[in-house]
Amino acid sequence: MSESAAEIKSLKMAELNKLNLPKFWREILQIAGPDMFIKIWRVASCPENQWKQDKIYVPSIKKYQEFQCVQIIKCFIESNMSCTEITKELEKHGMSRSPDTIRRIAKKYELGEVPLR
């Protein structure tokens, strides 16, 4: 980034920080940068995106984490791993699923029977 681009970004950040936005929005600003932040803010503030009375619905990150876990389990099942092996592998990454859960996922996605061991 050129010096002038860095200066412009710094000025935009300072301007947005003067708005005394809630902590949640300041964190998004820091992560996304000023230009992307403004785009996000515009989308979030459109009446058609409002849930009710100037509020937007923010789904829990757990929904995404669960989706990712299911995708990982599906890959392990397709690699012919047993429930025990899958459970151990998931635990290495801070995820905990029972053999019954693994079998339900296999059944739901028609991946066949998964051996316990």
PDB file of N, CA and C in Angstrom:
ATOM      1  N   MET A   1       0.856  -1.174   0.000  1.00  0.00           N
ATOM      2  CA  MET A   1       0.000   0.000   0.000  1.00  0.00           C
ATOM      3  C   MET A   1       0.897   1.231   0.000  1.00  0.00           C
ATOM      4  N   SER A   2       0.632   2.164  -0.902  1.00  0.00           N
ATOM      5  CA  SER A   2       1.433   3.384  -0.964  1.00  0.00           C
ATOM      6  C   SER A   2       1.174   4.238   0.274  1.00  0.00           C
ATOM      7  N   GLU A   3       2.075   5.171   0.498  1.00  0.00           N
ATOM      8  CA  GLU A   3       1.947   6.033   1.682  1.00  0.00           C
ATOM      9  C   GLU A   3       0.659   6.839   1.643  1.00  0.00           C
ATOM     10  N   SER A   4       0.298   7.341   0.479  1.00  0.00           N
ATOM     11  CA  SER A   4      -0.927   8.139   0.392  1.00  0.00           C
ATOM     12  C   SER A   4      -2.165   7.271   0.631  1.00  0.00           C
ATOM     13  N   ALA A   5      -2.157   6.035   0.145  1.00  0.00           N
ATOM     14  CA  ALA A   5      -3.281   5.125   0.395  1.00  0.00           C
ATOM     15  C   ALA A   5      -3.373   4.799   1.882  1.00  0.00           C
ATOM     16  N   ALA A   6      -2.216   4.618   2.521  1.00  0.00           N
ATOM     17  CA  ALA A   6      -2.193   4.349   3.961  1.00  0.00           C
ATOM     18  C   ALA A   6      -2.709   5.556   4.738  1.00  0.00           C
ATOM     19  N   GLU A   7      -2.342   6.748   4.291  1.00  0.00           N
ATOM     20  CA  GLU A   7      -2.818   7.971   4.946  1.00  0.00           C
ATOM     21  C   GLU A   7      -4.330   8.117   4.807  1.00  0.00           C
ATOM     22  N   ILE A   8      -4.839   7.830   3.605  1.00  0.00           N
ATOM     23  CA  ILE A   8      -6.287   7.919   3.369  1.00  0.00           C
ATOM     24  C   ILE A   8      -7.027   6.921   4.254  1.00  0.00           C
ATOM     25  N   LYS A   9      -6.499   5.702   4.326  1.00  0.00           N
ATOM     26  CA  LYS A   9      -7.125   4.683   5.179  1.00  0.00           C
ATOM     27  C   LYS A   9      -7.119   5.140   6.634  1.00  0.00           C
ATOM     28  N   SER A  10      -6.003   5.691   7.069  1.00  0.00           N
ATOM     29  CA  SER A  10      -5.887   6.173   8.446  1.00  0.00           C
ATOM     30  C   SER A  10      -6.896   7.288   8.735  1.00  0.00           C
ATOM     31  N   LEU A  11      -7.056   8.199   7.787  1.00  0.00           N
ATOM     32  CA  LEU A  11      -8.025   9.290   7.955  1.00  0.00           C
ATOM     33  C   LEU A  11      -9.458   8.756   8.019  1.00  0.00           C
ATOM     34  N   LYS A  12      -9.768   7.788   7.156  1.00  0.00           N
ATOM     35  CA  LYS A  12     -11.110   7.191   7.164  1.00  0.00           C
ATOM     36  C   LYS A  12     -11.377   6.477   8.490  1.00  0.00           C
ATOM     37  N   MET A  13     -10.363   5.758   8.979  1.00  0.00           N
ATOM     38  CA  MET A  13     -10.510   5.044  10.256  1.00  0.00           C
ATOM     39  C   MET A  13     -10.752   6.048  11.380  1.00  0.00           C
ATOM     40  N   ALA A  14      -9.977   7.122  11.398  1.00  0.00           N
ATOM     41  CA  ALA A  14     -10.127   8.147  12.438  1.00  0.00           C
ATOM     42  C   ALA A  14     -11.515   8.771  12.379  1.00  0.00           C
ATOM     43  N   GLU A  15     -11.981   9.049  11.169  1.00  0.00           N
ATOM     44  CA  GLU A  15     -13.308   9.639  10.995  1.00  0.00           C
ATOM     45  C   GLU A  15     -14.392   8.699  11.542  1.00  0.00           C
ATOM     46  N   LEU A  16     -14.312   7.425  11.195  1.00  0.00           N
ATOM     47  CA  LEU A  16     -15.308   6.458  11.668  1.00  0.00           C
ATOM     48  C   LEU A  16     -15.213   6.244  13.177  1.00  0.00           C
ATOM     49  N   ASN A  17     -13.996   6.291  13.716  1.00  0.00           N
ATOM     50  CA  ASN A  17     -13.831   6.129  15.167  1.00  0.00           C
ATOM     51  C   ASN A  17     -14.444   7.287  15.949  1.00  0.00           C
ATOM     52  N   LYS A  18     -14.555   8.448  15.331  1.00  0.00           N
ATOM     53  CA  LYS A  18     -15.162   9.612  15.996  1.00  0.00           C
ATOM     54  C   LYS A  18     -16.668   9.460  16.174  1.00  0.00           C
ATOM     55  N   LEU A  19     -17.261   8.485  15.507  1.00  0.00           N
ATOM     56  CA  LEU A  19     -18.708   8.286  15.595  1.00  0.00           C
ATOM     57  C   LEU A  19     -19.140   7.619  16.897  1.00  0.00           C
ATOM     58  N   ASN A  20     -18.185   7.164  17.692  1.00  0.00           N
ATOM     59  CA  ASN A  20     -18.489   6.474  18.954  1.00  0.00           C
ATOM     60  C   ASN A  20     -19.479   5.325  18.747  1.00  0.00           C
ATOM     61  N   LEU A  21     -19.193   4.507  17.760  1.00  0.00           N
ATOM     62  CA  LEU A  21     -20.037   3.348  17.472  1.00  0.00           C
ATOM     63  C   LEU A  21     -19.919   2.313  18.588  1.00  0.00           C
ATOM     64  N   PRO A  22     -20.914   1.453  18.738  1.00  0.00           N
ATOM     65  CA  PRO A  22     -20.810   0.371  19.728  1.00  0.00           C
ATOM     66  C   PRO A  22     -19.586  -0.509  19.443  1.00  0.00           C
ATOM     67  N   LYS A  23     -19.090  -1.139  20.490  1.00  0.00           N
ATOM     68  CA  LYS A  23     -17.881  -1.964  20.401  1.00  0.00           C
ATOM     69  C   LYS A  23     -17.964  -2.985  19.268  1.00  0.00           C
ATOM     70  N   PHE A  24     -19.111  -3.623  19.121  1.00  0.00           N
ATOM     71  CA  PHE A  24     -19.326  -4.613  18.064  1.00  0.00           C
ATOM     72  C   PHE A  24     -18.963  -4.038  16.694  1.00  0.00           C
ATOM     73  N   TRP A  25     -19.465  -2.839  16.390  1.00  0.00           N
ATOM     74  CA  TRP A  25     -19.216  -2.219  15.093  1.00  0.00           C
ATOM     75  C   TRP A  25     -17.774  -1.742  14.964  1.00  0.00           C
ATOM     76  N   ARG A  26     -17.165  -1.283  16.062  1.00  0.00           N
ATOM     77  CA  ARG A  26     -15.746  -0.878  16.014  1.00  0.00           C
ATOM     78  C   ARG A  26     -14.856  -2.077  15.713  1.00  0.00           C
ATOM     79  N   GLU A  27     -15.221  -3.239  16.254  1.00  0.00           N
ATOM     80  CA  GLU A  27     -14.441  -4.452  15.975  1.00  0.00           C
ATOM     81  C   GLU A  27     -14.546  -4.837  14.505  1.00  0.00           C
ATOM     82  N   ILE A  28     -15.741  -4.733  13.944  1.00  0.00           N
ATOM     83  CA  ILE A  28     -15.909  -5.015  12.514  1.00  0.00           C
ATOM     84  C   ILE A  28     -15.085  -4.028  11.692  1.00  0.00           C
ATOM     85  N   LEU A  29     -15.081  -2.769  12.083  1.00  0.00           N
ATOM     86  CA  LEU A  29     -14.281  -1.751  11.401  1.00  0.00           C
ATOM     87  C   LEU A  29     -12.805  -2.137  11.400  1.00  0.00           C
ATOM     88  N   GLN A  30     -12.287  -2.564  12.548  1.00  0.00           N
ATOM     89  CA  GLN A  30     -10.873  -2.932  12.651  1.00  0.00           C
ATOM     90  C   GLN A  30     -10.544  -4.143  11.781  1.00  0.00           C
ATOM     91  N   ILE A  31     -11.450  -5.091  11.719  1.00  0.00           N
ATOM     92  CA  ILE A  31     -11.218  -6.310  10.937  1.00  0.00           C
ATOM     93  C   ILE A  31     -11.343  -6.040   9.438  1.00  0.00           C
ATOM     94  N   ALA A  32     -12.396  -5.334   9.054  1.00  0.00           N
ATOM     95  CA  ALA A  32     -12.726  -5.176   7.635  1.00  0.00           C
ATOM     96  C   ALA A  32     -12.042  -3.989   6.969  1.00  0.00           C
ATOM     97  N   GLY A  33     -11.668  -2.990   7.748  1.00  0.00           N
ATOM     98  CA  GLY A  33     -11.138  -1.764   7.156  1.00  0.00           C
ATOM     99  C   GLY A  33     -12.289  -0.831   6.808  1.00  0.00           C
ATOM    100  N   PRO A  34     -11.987   0.449   6.587  1.00  0.00           N
ATOM    101  CA  PRO A  34     -13.056   1.437   6.429  1.00  0.00           C
ATOM    102  C   PRO A  34     -13.951   1.235   5.207  1.00  0.00           C
ATOM    103  N   ASP A  35     -13.390   0.890   4.066  1.00  0.00           N
ATOM    104  CA  ASP A  35     -14.211   0.770   2.859  1.00  0.00           C
ATOM    105  C   ASP A  35     -15.176  -0.413   2.942  1.00  0.00           C
ATOM    106  N   MET A  36     -14.676  -1.566   3.348  1.00  0.00           N
ATOM    107  CA  MET A  36     -15.541  -2.741   3.488  1.00  0.00           C
ATOM    108  C   MET A  36     -16.543  -2.524   4.619  1.00  0.00           C
ATOM    109  N   PHE A  37     -16.111  -1.858   5.686  1.00  0.00           N
ATOM    110  CA  PHE A  37     -17.017  -1.569   6.798  1.00  0.00           C
ATOM    111  C   PHE A  37     -18.224  -0.768   6.324  1.00  0.00           C
ATOM    112  N   ILE A  38     -17.996   0.256   5.520  1.00  0.00           N
ATOM    113  CA  ILE A  38     -19.093   1.088   5.012  1.00  0.00           C
ATOM    114  C   ILE A  38     -20.049   0.240   4.171  1.00  0.00           C
ATOM    115  N   LYS A  39     -19.501  -0.666   3.362  1.00  0.00           N
ATOM    116  CA  LYS A  39     -20.354  -1.552   2.552  1.00  0.00           C
ATOM    117  C   LYS A  39     -21.216  -2.438   3.445  1.00  0.00           C
ATOM    118  N   ILE A  40     -20.601  -3.008   4.476  1.00  0.00           N
ATOM    119  CA  ILE A  40     -21.339  -3.862   5.417  1.00  0.00           C
ATOM    120  C   ILE A  40     -22.419  -3.046   6.115  1.00  0.00           C
ATOM    121  N   TRP A  41     -22.056  -1.852   6.552  1.00  0.00           N
ATOM    122  CA  TRP A  41     -22.993  -0.978   7.261  1.00  0.00           C
ATOM    123  C   TRP A  41     -24.192  -0.628   6.374  1.00  0.00           C
ATOM    124  N   ARG A  42     -23.918  -0.337   5.104  1.00  0.00           N
ATOM    125  CA  ARG A  42     -25.014  -0.015   4.173  1.00  0.00           C
ATOM    126  C   ARG A  42     -25.979  -1.194   4.034  1.00  0.00           C
ATOM    127  N   VAL A  43     -25.438  -2.383   3.862  1.00  0.00           N
ATOM    128  CA  VAL A  43     -26.290  -3.573   3.725  1.00  0.00           C
ATOM    129  C   VAL A  43     -27.090  -3.789   5.004  1.00  0.00           C
ATOM    130  N   ALA A  44     -26.429  -3.698   6.149  1.00  0.00           N
ATOM    131  CA  ALA A  44     -27.099  -3.946   7.434  1.00  0.00           C
ATOM    132  C   ALA A  44     -28.168  -2.908   7.746  1.00  0.00           C
ATOM    133  N   SER A  45     -27.995  -1.692   7.248  1.00  0.00           N
ATOM    134  CA  SER A  45     -28.944  -0.630   7.601  1.00  0.00           C
ATOM    135  C   SER A  45     -30.115  -0.496   6.624  1.00  0.00           C
ATOM    136  N   CYS A  46     -30.114  -1.239   5.535  1.00  0.00           N
ATOM    137  CA  CYS A  46     -31.245  -1.197   4.588  1.00  0.00           C
ATOM    138  C   CYS A  46     -32.501  -1.732   5.269  1.00  0.00           C
ATOM    139  N   PRO A  47     -33.623  -1.046   5.100  1.00  0.00           N
ATOM    140  CA  PRO A  47     -34.868  -1.491   5.749  1.00  0.00           C
ATOM    141  C   PRO A  47     -35.236  -2.940   5.440  1.00  0.00           C
ATOM    142  N   GLU A  48     -34.986  -3.389   4.215  1.00  0.00           N
ATOM    143  CA  GLU A  48     -35.347  -4.770   3.878  1.00  0.00           C
ATOM    144  C   GLU A  48     -34.488  -5.811   4.596  1.00  0.00           C
ATOM    145  N   ASN A  49     -33.362  -5.381   5.150  1.00  0.00           N
ATOM    146  CA  ASN A  49     -32.505  -6.299   5.899  1.00  0.00           C
ATOM    147  C   ASN A  49     -32.721  -6.208   7.406  1.00  0.00           C
ATOM    148  N   GLN A  50     -33.591  -5.316   7.818  1.00  0.00           N
ATOM    149  CA  GLN A  50     -33.878  -5.145   9.245  1.00  0.00           C
ATOM    150  C   GLN A  50     -34.821  -6.249   9.700  1.00  0.00           C
ATOM    151  N   TRP A  51     -34.545  -6.816  10.828  1.00  0.00           N
ATOM    152  CA  TRP A  51     -35.378  -7.878  11.386  1.00  0.00           C
ATOM    153  C   TRP A  51     -36.648  -7.271  11.955  1.00  0.00           C
ATOM    154  N   LYS A  52     -36.508  -6.362  12.882  1.00  0.00           N
ATOM    155  CA  LYS A  52     -37.633  -5.579  13.389  1.00  0.00           C
ATOM    156  C   LYS A  52     -37.087  -4.342  14.085  1.00  0.00           C
ATOM    157  N   GLN A  53     -37.696  -3.231  13.824  1.00  0.00           N
ATOM    158  CA  GLN A  53     -37.365  -1.940  14.430  1.00  0.00           C
ATOM    159  C   GLN A  53     -35.862  -1.685  14.535  1.00  0.00           C
ATOM    160  N   ASP A  54     -35.225  -1.510  13.414  1.00  0.00           N
ATOM    161  CA  ASP A  54     -33.795  -1.182  13.353  1.00  0.00           C
ATOM    162  C   ASP A  54     -32.891  -2.239  13.975  1.00  0.00           C
ATOM    163  N   LYS A  55     -33.300  -3.484  13.939  1.00  0.00           N
ATOM    164  CA  LYS A  55     -32.466  -4.571  14.464  1.00  0.00           C
ATOM    165  C   LYS A  55     -32.231  -5.582  13.355  1.00  0.00           C
ATOM    166  N   ILE A  56     -31.018  -6.113  13.320  1.00  0.00           N
ATOM    167  CA  ILE A  56     -30.724  -7.161  12.352  1.00  0.00           C
ATOM    168  C   ILE A  56     -30.492  -8.463  13.102  1.00  0.00           C
ATOM    169  N   TYR A  57     -30.848  -9.547  12.468  1.00  0.00           N
ATOM    170  CA  TYR A  57     -30.639 -10.869  13.052  1.00  0.00           C
ATOM    171  C   TYR A  57     -29.225 -11.318  12.723  1.00  0.00           C
ATOM    172  N   VAL A  58     -28.471 -11.691  13.729  1.00  0.00           N
ATOM    173  CA  VAL A  58     -27.120 -12.205  13.535  1.00  0.00           C
ATOM    174  C   VAL A  58     -27.119 -13.655  14.004  1.00  0.00           C
ATOM    175  N   PRO A  59     -27.028 -14.602  13.068  1.00  0.00           N
ATOM    176  CA  PRO A  59     -27.031 -16.003  13.477  1.00  0.00           C
ATOM    177  C   PRO A  59     -25.771 -16.345  14.269  1.00  0.00           C
ATOM    178  N   SER A  60     -25.897 -17.303  15.138  1.00  0.00           N
ATOM    179  CA  SER A  60     -24.765 -17.738  15.956  1.00  0.00           C
ATOM    180  C   SER A  60     -23.690 -18.367  15.073  1.00  0.00           C
ATOM    181  N   ILE A  61     -22.442 -18.146  15.415  1.00  0.00           N
ATOM    182  CA  ILE A  61     -21.315 -18.749  14.694  1.00  0.00           C
ATOM    183  C   ILE A  61     -21.345 -20.271  14.841  1.00  0.00           C
ATOM    184  N   LYS A  62     -22.061 -20.756  15.847  1.00  0.00           N
ATOM    185  CA  LYS A  62     -22.154 -22.203  16.063  1.00  0.00           C
ATOM    186  C   LYS A  62     -22.757 -22.909  14.853  1.00  0.00           C
ATOM    187  N   LYS A  63     -23.643 -22.235  14.150  1.00  0.00           N
ATOM    188  CA  LYS A  63     -24.247 -22.819  12.949  1.00  0.00           C
ATOM    189  C   LYS A  63     -23.159 -23.132  11.923  1.00  0.00           C
ATOM    190  N   TYR A  64     -22.232 -22.209  11.717  1.00  0.00           N
ATOM    191  CA  TYR A  64     -21.127 -22.415  10.778  1.00  0.00           C
ATOM    192  C   TYR A  64     -20.173 -23.496  11.291  1.00  0.00           C
ATOM    193  N   GLN A  65     -19.863 -23.453  12.587  1.00  0.00           N
ATOM    194  CA  GLN A  65     -18.956 -24.441  13.165  1.00  0.00           C
ATOM    195  C   GLN A  65     -19.525 -25.852  13.047  1.00  0.00           C
ATOM    196  N   GLU A  66     -20.826 -25.994  13.262  1.00  0.00           N
ATOM    197  CA  GLU A  66     -21.464 -27.305  13.135  1.00  0.00           C
ATOM    198  C   GLU A  66     -21.418 -27.780  11.686  1.00  0.00           C
ATOM    199  N   PHE A  67     -21.666 -26.884  10.753  1.00  0.00           N
ATOM    200  CA  PHE A  67     -21.584 -27.229   9.335  1.00  0.00           C
ATOM    201  C   PHE A  67     -20.184 -27.745   8.998  1.00  0.00           C
ATOM    202  N   GLN A  68     -19.155 -27.031   9.456  1.00  0.00           N
ATOM    203  CA  GLN A  68     -17.781 -27.444   9.194  1.00  0.00           C
ATOM    204  C   GLN A  68     -17.486 -28.812   9.791  1.00  0.00           C
ATOM    205  N   CYS A  69     -17.958 -29.050  11.010  1.00  0.00           N
ATOM    206  CA  CYS A  69     -17.737 -30.335  11.673  1.00  0.00           C
ATOM    207  C   CYS A  69     -18.371 -31.470  10.865  1.00  0.00           C
ATOM    208  N   VAL A  70     -19.580 -31.256  10.387  1.00  0.00           N
ATOM    209  CA  VAL A  70     -20.258 -32.279   9.576  1.00  0.00           C
ATOM    210  C   VAL A  70     -19.466 -32.550   8.299  1.00  0.00           C
ATOM    211  N   GLN A  71     -18.939 -31.504   7.671  1.00  0.00           N
ATOM    212  CA  GLN A  71     -18.149 -31.697   6.452  1.00  0.00           C
ATOM    213  C   GLN A  71     -16.897 -32.525   6.737  1.00  0.00           C
ATOM    214  N   ILE A  72     -16.255 -32.262   7.869  1.00  0.00           N
ATOM    215  CA  ILE A  72     -15.059 -33.012   8.260  1.00  0.00           C
ATOM    216  C   ILE A  72     -15.422 -34.471   8.509  1.00  0.00           C
ATOM    217  N   ILE A  73     -16.506 -34.701   9.239  1.00  0.00           N
ATOM    218  CA  ILE A  73     -16.948 -36.069   9.529  1.00  0.00           C
ATOM    219  C   ILE A  73     -17.254 -36.808   8.227  1.00  0.00           C
ATOM    220  N   LYS A  74     -17.923 -36.159   7.299  1.00  0.00           N
ATOM    221  CA  LYS A  74     -18.231 -36.790   6.013  1.00  0.00           C
ATOM    222  C   LYS A  74     -16.951 -37.208   5.290  1.00  0.00           C
ATOM    223  N   CYS A  75     -15.930 -36.360   5.315  1.00  0.00           N
ATOM    224  CA  CYS A  75     -14.644 -36.704   4.682  1.00  0.00           C
ATOM    225  C   CYS A  75     -14.009 -37.915   5.353  1.00  0.00           C
ATOM    226  N   PHE A  76     -14.059 -37.951   6.687  1.00  0.00           N
ATOM    227  CA  PHE A  76     -13.496 -39.092   7.414  1.00  0.00           C
ATOM    228  C   PHE A  76     -14.250 -40.374   7.085  1.00  0.00           C
ATOM    229  N   ILE A  77     -15.567 -40.293   7.017  1.00  0.00           N
ATOM    230  CA  ILE A  77     -16.375 -41.469   6.688  1.00  0.00           C
ATOM    231  C   ILE A  77     -16.030 -41.953   5.284  1.00  0.00           C
ATOM    232  N   GLU A  78     -15.927 -41.031   4.349  1.00  0.00           N
ATOM    233  CA  GLU A  78     -15.581 -41.391   2.970  1.00  0.00           C
ATOM    234  C   GLU A  78     -14.171 -41.963   2.866  1.00  0.00           C
ATOM    235  N   SER A  79     -13.333 -41.685   3.865  1.00  0.00           N
ATOM    236  CA  SER A  79     -11.975 -42.245   3.920  1.00  0.00           C
ATOM    237  C   SER A  79     -11.955 -43.581   4.657  1.00  0.00           C
ATOM    238  N   ASN A  80     -13.158 -44.112   4.934  1.00  0.00           N
ATOM    239  CA  ASN A  80     -13.321 -45.415   5.595  1.00  0.00           C
ATOM    240  C   ASN A  80     -12.766 -45.472   7.009  1.00  0.00           C
ATOM    241  N   MET A  81     -12.839 -44.371   7.730  1.00  0.00           N
ATOM    242  CA  MET A  81     -12.414 -44.367   9.130  1.00  0.00           C
ATOM    243  C   MET A  81     -13.555 -44.886   9.995  1.00  0.00           C
ATOM    244  N   SER A  82     -13.207 -45.493  11.125  1.00  0.00           N
ATOM    245  CA  SER A  82     -14.213 -45.994  12.065  1.00  0.00           C
ATOM    246  C   SER A  82     -14.701 -44.854  12.958  1.00  0.00           C
ATOM    247  N   CYS A  83     -15.791 -45.105  13.675  1.00  0.00           N
ATOM    248  CA  CYS A  83     -16.315 -44.098  14.610  1.00  0.00           C
ATOM    249  C   CYS A  83     -15.267 -43.723  15.650  1.00  0.00           C
ATOM    250  N   THR A  84     -14.560 -44.724  16.155  1.00  0.00           N
ATOM    251  CA  THR A  84     -13.527 -44.478  17.163  1.00  0.00           C
ATOM    252  C   THR A  84     -12.423 -43.592  16.594  1.00  0.00           C
ATOM    253  N   GLU A  85     -11.983 -43.889  15.390  1.00  0.00           N
ATOM    254  CA  GLU A  85     -10.932 -43.089  14.754  1.00  0.00           C
ATOM    255  C   GLU A  85     -11.409 -41.651  14.506  1.00  0.00           C
ATOM    256  N   ILE A  86     -12.639 -41.525  14.043  1.00  0.00           N
ATOM    257  CA  ILE A  86     -13.190 -40.192  13.772  1.00  0.00           C
ATOM    258  C   ILE A  86     -13.293 -39.393  15.065  1.00  0.00           C
ATOM    259  N   THR A  87     -13.800 -40.035  16.121  1.00  0.00           N
ATOM    260  CA  THR A  87     -13.934 -39.366  17.421  1.00  0.00           C
ATOM    261  C   THR A  87     -12.581 -38.866  17.911  1.00  0.00           C
ATOM    262  N   LYS A  88     -11.559 -39.712  17.825  1.00  0.00           N
ATOM    263  CA  LYS A  88     -10.211 -39.323  18.273  1.00  0.00           C
ATOM    264  C   LYS A  88      -9.670 -38.160  17.445  1.00  0.00           C
ATOM    265  N   GLU A  89      -9.889 -38.221  16.143  1.00  0.00           N
ATOM    266  CA  GLU A  89      -9.399 -37.158  15.263  1.00  0.00           C
ATOM    267  C   GLU A  89     -10.100 -35.829  15.564  1.00  0.00           C
ATOM    268  N   LEU A  90     -11.404 -35.886  15.795  1.00  0.00           N
ATOM    269  CA  LEU A  90     -12.153 -34.667  16.125  1.00  0.00           C
ATOM    270  C   LEU A  90     -11.680 -34.070  17.449  1.00  0.00           C
ATOM    271  N   GLU A  91     -11.425 -34.930  18.433  1.00  0.00           N
ATOM    272  CA  GLU A  91     -10.979 -34.459  19.749  1.00  0.00           C
ATOM    273  C   GLU A  91      -9.645 -33.729  19.666  1.00  0.00           C
ATOM    274  N   LYS A  92      -8.787 -34.117  18.727  1.00  0.00           N
ATOM    275  CA  LYS A  92      -7.512 -33.421  18.533  1.00  0.00           C
ATOM    276  C   LYS A  92      -7.731 -31.946  18.189  1.00  0.00           C
ATOM    277  N   HIS A  93      -8.898 -31.662  17.613  1.00  0.00           N
ATOM    278  CA  HIS A  93      -9.207 -30.301  17.161  1.00  0.00           C
ATOM    279  C   HIS A  93     -10.284 -29.635  18.010  1.00  0.00           C
ATOM    280  N   GLY A  94     -10.504 -30.171  19.208  1.00  0.00           N
ATOM    281  CA  GLY A  94     -11.441 -29.553  20.140  1.00  0.00           C
ATOM    282  C   GLY A  94     -12.903 -29.786  19.832  1.00  0.00           C
ATOM    283  N   MET A  95     -13.191 -30.784  19.010  1.00  0.00           N
ATOM    284  CA  MET A  95     -14.585 -31.113  18.679  1.00  0.00           C
ATOM    285  C   MET A  95     -14.928 -32.455  19.302  1.00  0.00           C
ATOM    286  N   SER A  96     -16.132 -32.563  19.799  1.00  0.00           N
ATOM    287  CA  SER A  96     -16.548 -33.803  20.440  1.00  0.00           C
ATOM    288  C   SER A  96     -17.866 -34.273  19.831  1.00  0.00           C
ATOM    289  N   ARG A  97     -17.862 -35.460  19.243  1.00  0.00           N
ATOM    290  CA  ARG A  97     -19.077 -36.058  18.693  1.00  0.00           C
ATOM    291  C   ARG A  97     -19.091 -37.531  19.066  1.00  0.00           C
ATOM    292  N   SER A  98     -20.255 -38.019  19.404  1.00  0.00           N
ATOM    293  CA  SER A  98     -20.399 -39.421  19.804  1.00  0.00           C
ATOM    294  C   SER A  98     -20.458 -40.311  18.566  1.00  0.00           C
ATOM    295  N   PRO A  99     -20.177 -41.603  18.744  1.00  0.00           N
ATOM    296  CA  PRO A  99     -20.334 -42.541  17.623  1.00  0.00           C
ATOM    297  C   PRO A  99     -21.754 -42.519  17.047  1.00  0.00           C
ATOM    298  N   ASP A 100     -22.757 -42.348  17.921  1.00  0.00           N
ATOM    299  CA  ASP A 100     -24.141 -42.275  17.429  1.00  0.00           C
ATOM    300  C   ASP A 100     -24.338 -41.075  16.502  1.00  0.00           C
ATOM    301  N   THR A 101     -23.753 -39.948  16.860  1.00  0.00           N
ATOM    302  CA  THR A 101     -23.859 -38.752  16.019  1.00  0.00           C
ATOM    303  C   THR A 101     -23.182 -38.996  14.674  1.00  0.00           C
ATOM    304  N   ILE A 102     -22.026 -39.623  14.707  1.00  0.00           N
ATOM    305  CA  ILE A 102     -21.292 -39.921  13.470  1.00  0.00           C
ATOM    306  C   ILE A 102     -22.124 -40.845  12.582  1.00  0.00           C
ATOM    307  N   ARG A 103     -22.748 -41.835  13.177  1.00  0.00           N
ATOM    308  CA  ARG A 103     -23.593 -42.760  12.404  1.00  0.00           C
ATOM    309  C   ARG A 103     -24.829 -42.053  11.846  1.00  0.00           C
ATOM    310  N   ARG A 104     -25.412 -41.133  12.617  1.00  0.00           N
ATOM    311  CA  ARG A 104     -26.568 -40.372  12.110  1.00  0.00           C
ATOM    312  C   ARG A 104     -26.181 -39.531  10.893  1.00  0.00           C
ATOM    313  N   ILE A 105     -24.997 -38.943  10.947  1.00  0.00           N
ATOM    314  CA  ILE A 105     -24.515 -38.145   9.815  1.00  0.00           C
ATOM    315  C   ILE A 105     -24.323 -39.043   8.594  1.00  0.00           C
ATOM    316  N   ALA A 106     -23.734 -40.217   8.813  1.00  0.00           N
ATOM    317  CA  ALA A 106     -23.530 -41.162   7.705  1.00  0.00           C
ATOM    318  C   ALA A 106     -24.862 -41.567   7.087  1.00  0.00           C
ATOM    319  N   LYS A 107     -25.848 -41.816   7.935  1.00  0.00           N
ATOM    320  CA  LYS A 107     -27.170 -42.215   7.441  1.00  0.00           C
ATOM    321  C   LYS A 107     -27.837 -41.066   6.685  1.00  0.00           C
ATOM    322  N   LYS A 108     -27.788 -39.876   7.252  1.00  0.00           N
ATOM    323  CA  LYS A 108     -28.430 -38.706   6.634  1.00  0.00           C
ATOM    324  C   LYS A 108     -27.892 -38.449   5.232  1.00  0.00           C
ATOM    325  N   TYR A 109     -26.585 -38.602   5.061  1.00  0.00           N
ATOM    326  CA  TYR A 109     -25.956 -38.314   3.774  1.00  0.00           C
ATOM    327  C   TYR A 109     -25.712 -39.576   2.948  1.00  0.00           C
ATOM    328  N   GLU A 110     -26.339 -40.680   3.370  1.00  0.00           N
ATOM    329  CA  GLU A 110     -26.272 -41.959   2.654  1.00  0.00           C
ATOM    330  C   GLU A 110     -24.837 -42.371   2.347  1.00  0.00           C
ATOM    331  N   LEU A 111     -24.015 -42.373   3.394  1.00  0.00           N
ATOM    332  CA  LEU A 111     -22.599 -42.715   3.251  1.00  0.00           C
ATOM    333  C   LEU A 111     -22.302 -44.151   3.672  1.00  0.00           C
ATOM    334  N   GLY A 112     -23.334 -44.904   3.993  1.00  0.00           N
ATOM    335  CA  GLY A 112     -23.152 -46.303   4.382  1.00  0.00           C
ATOM    336  C   GLY A 112     -22.910 -46.458   5.873  1.00  0.00           C
ATOM    337  N   GLU A 113     -22.713 -47.707   6.270  1.00  0.00           N
ATOM    338  CA  GLU A 113     -22.464 -48.030   7.679  1.00  0.00           C
ATOM    339  C   GLU A 113     -21.041 -47.639   8.066  1.00  0.00           C
ATOM    340  N   VAL A 114     -20.898 -47.147   9.274  1.00  0.00           N
ATOM    341  CA  VAL A 114     -19.581 -46.778   9.798  1.00  0.00           C
ATOM    342  C   VAL A 114     -19.266 -47.730  10.940  1.00  0.00           C
ATOM    343  N   PRO A 115     -18.179 -48.502  10.824  1.00  0.00           N
ATOM    344  CA  PRO A 115     -17.846 -49.434  11.911  1.00  0.00           C
ATOM    345  C   PRO A 115     -17.472 -48.684  13.185  1.00  0.00           C
ATOM    346  N   LEU A 116     -17.771 -49.299  14.327  1.00  0.00           N
ATOM    347  CA  LEU A 116     -17.434 -48.676  15.607  1.00  0.00           C
ATOM    348  C   LEU A 116     -15.923 -48.570  15.758  1.00  0.00           C
ATOM    349  N   ARG A 117     -15.217 -49.655  15.441  1.00  0.00           N
ATOM    350  CA  ARG A 117     -13.743 -49.674  15.594  1.00  0.00           C
ATOM    351  C   ARG A 117     -13.071 -50.054  14.297  1.00  0.00           C
TER     352      ARG A 117
END
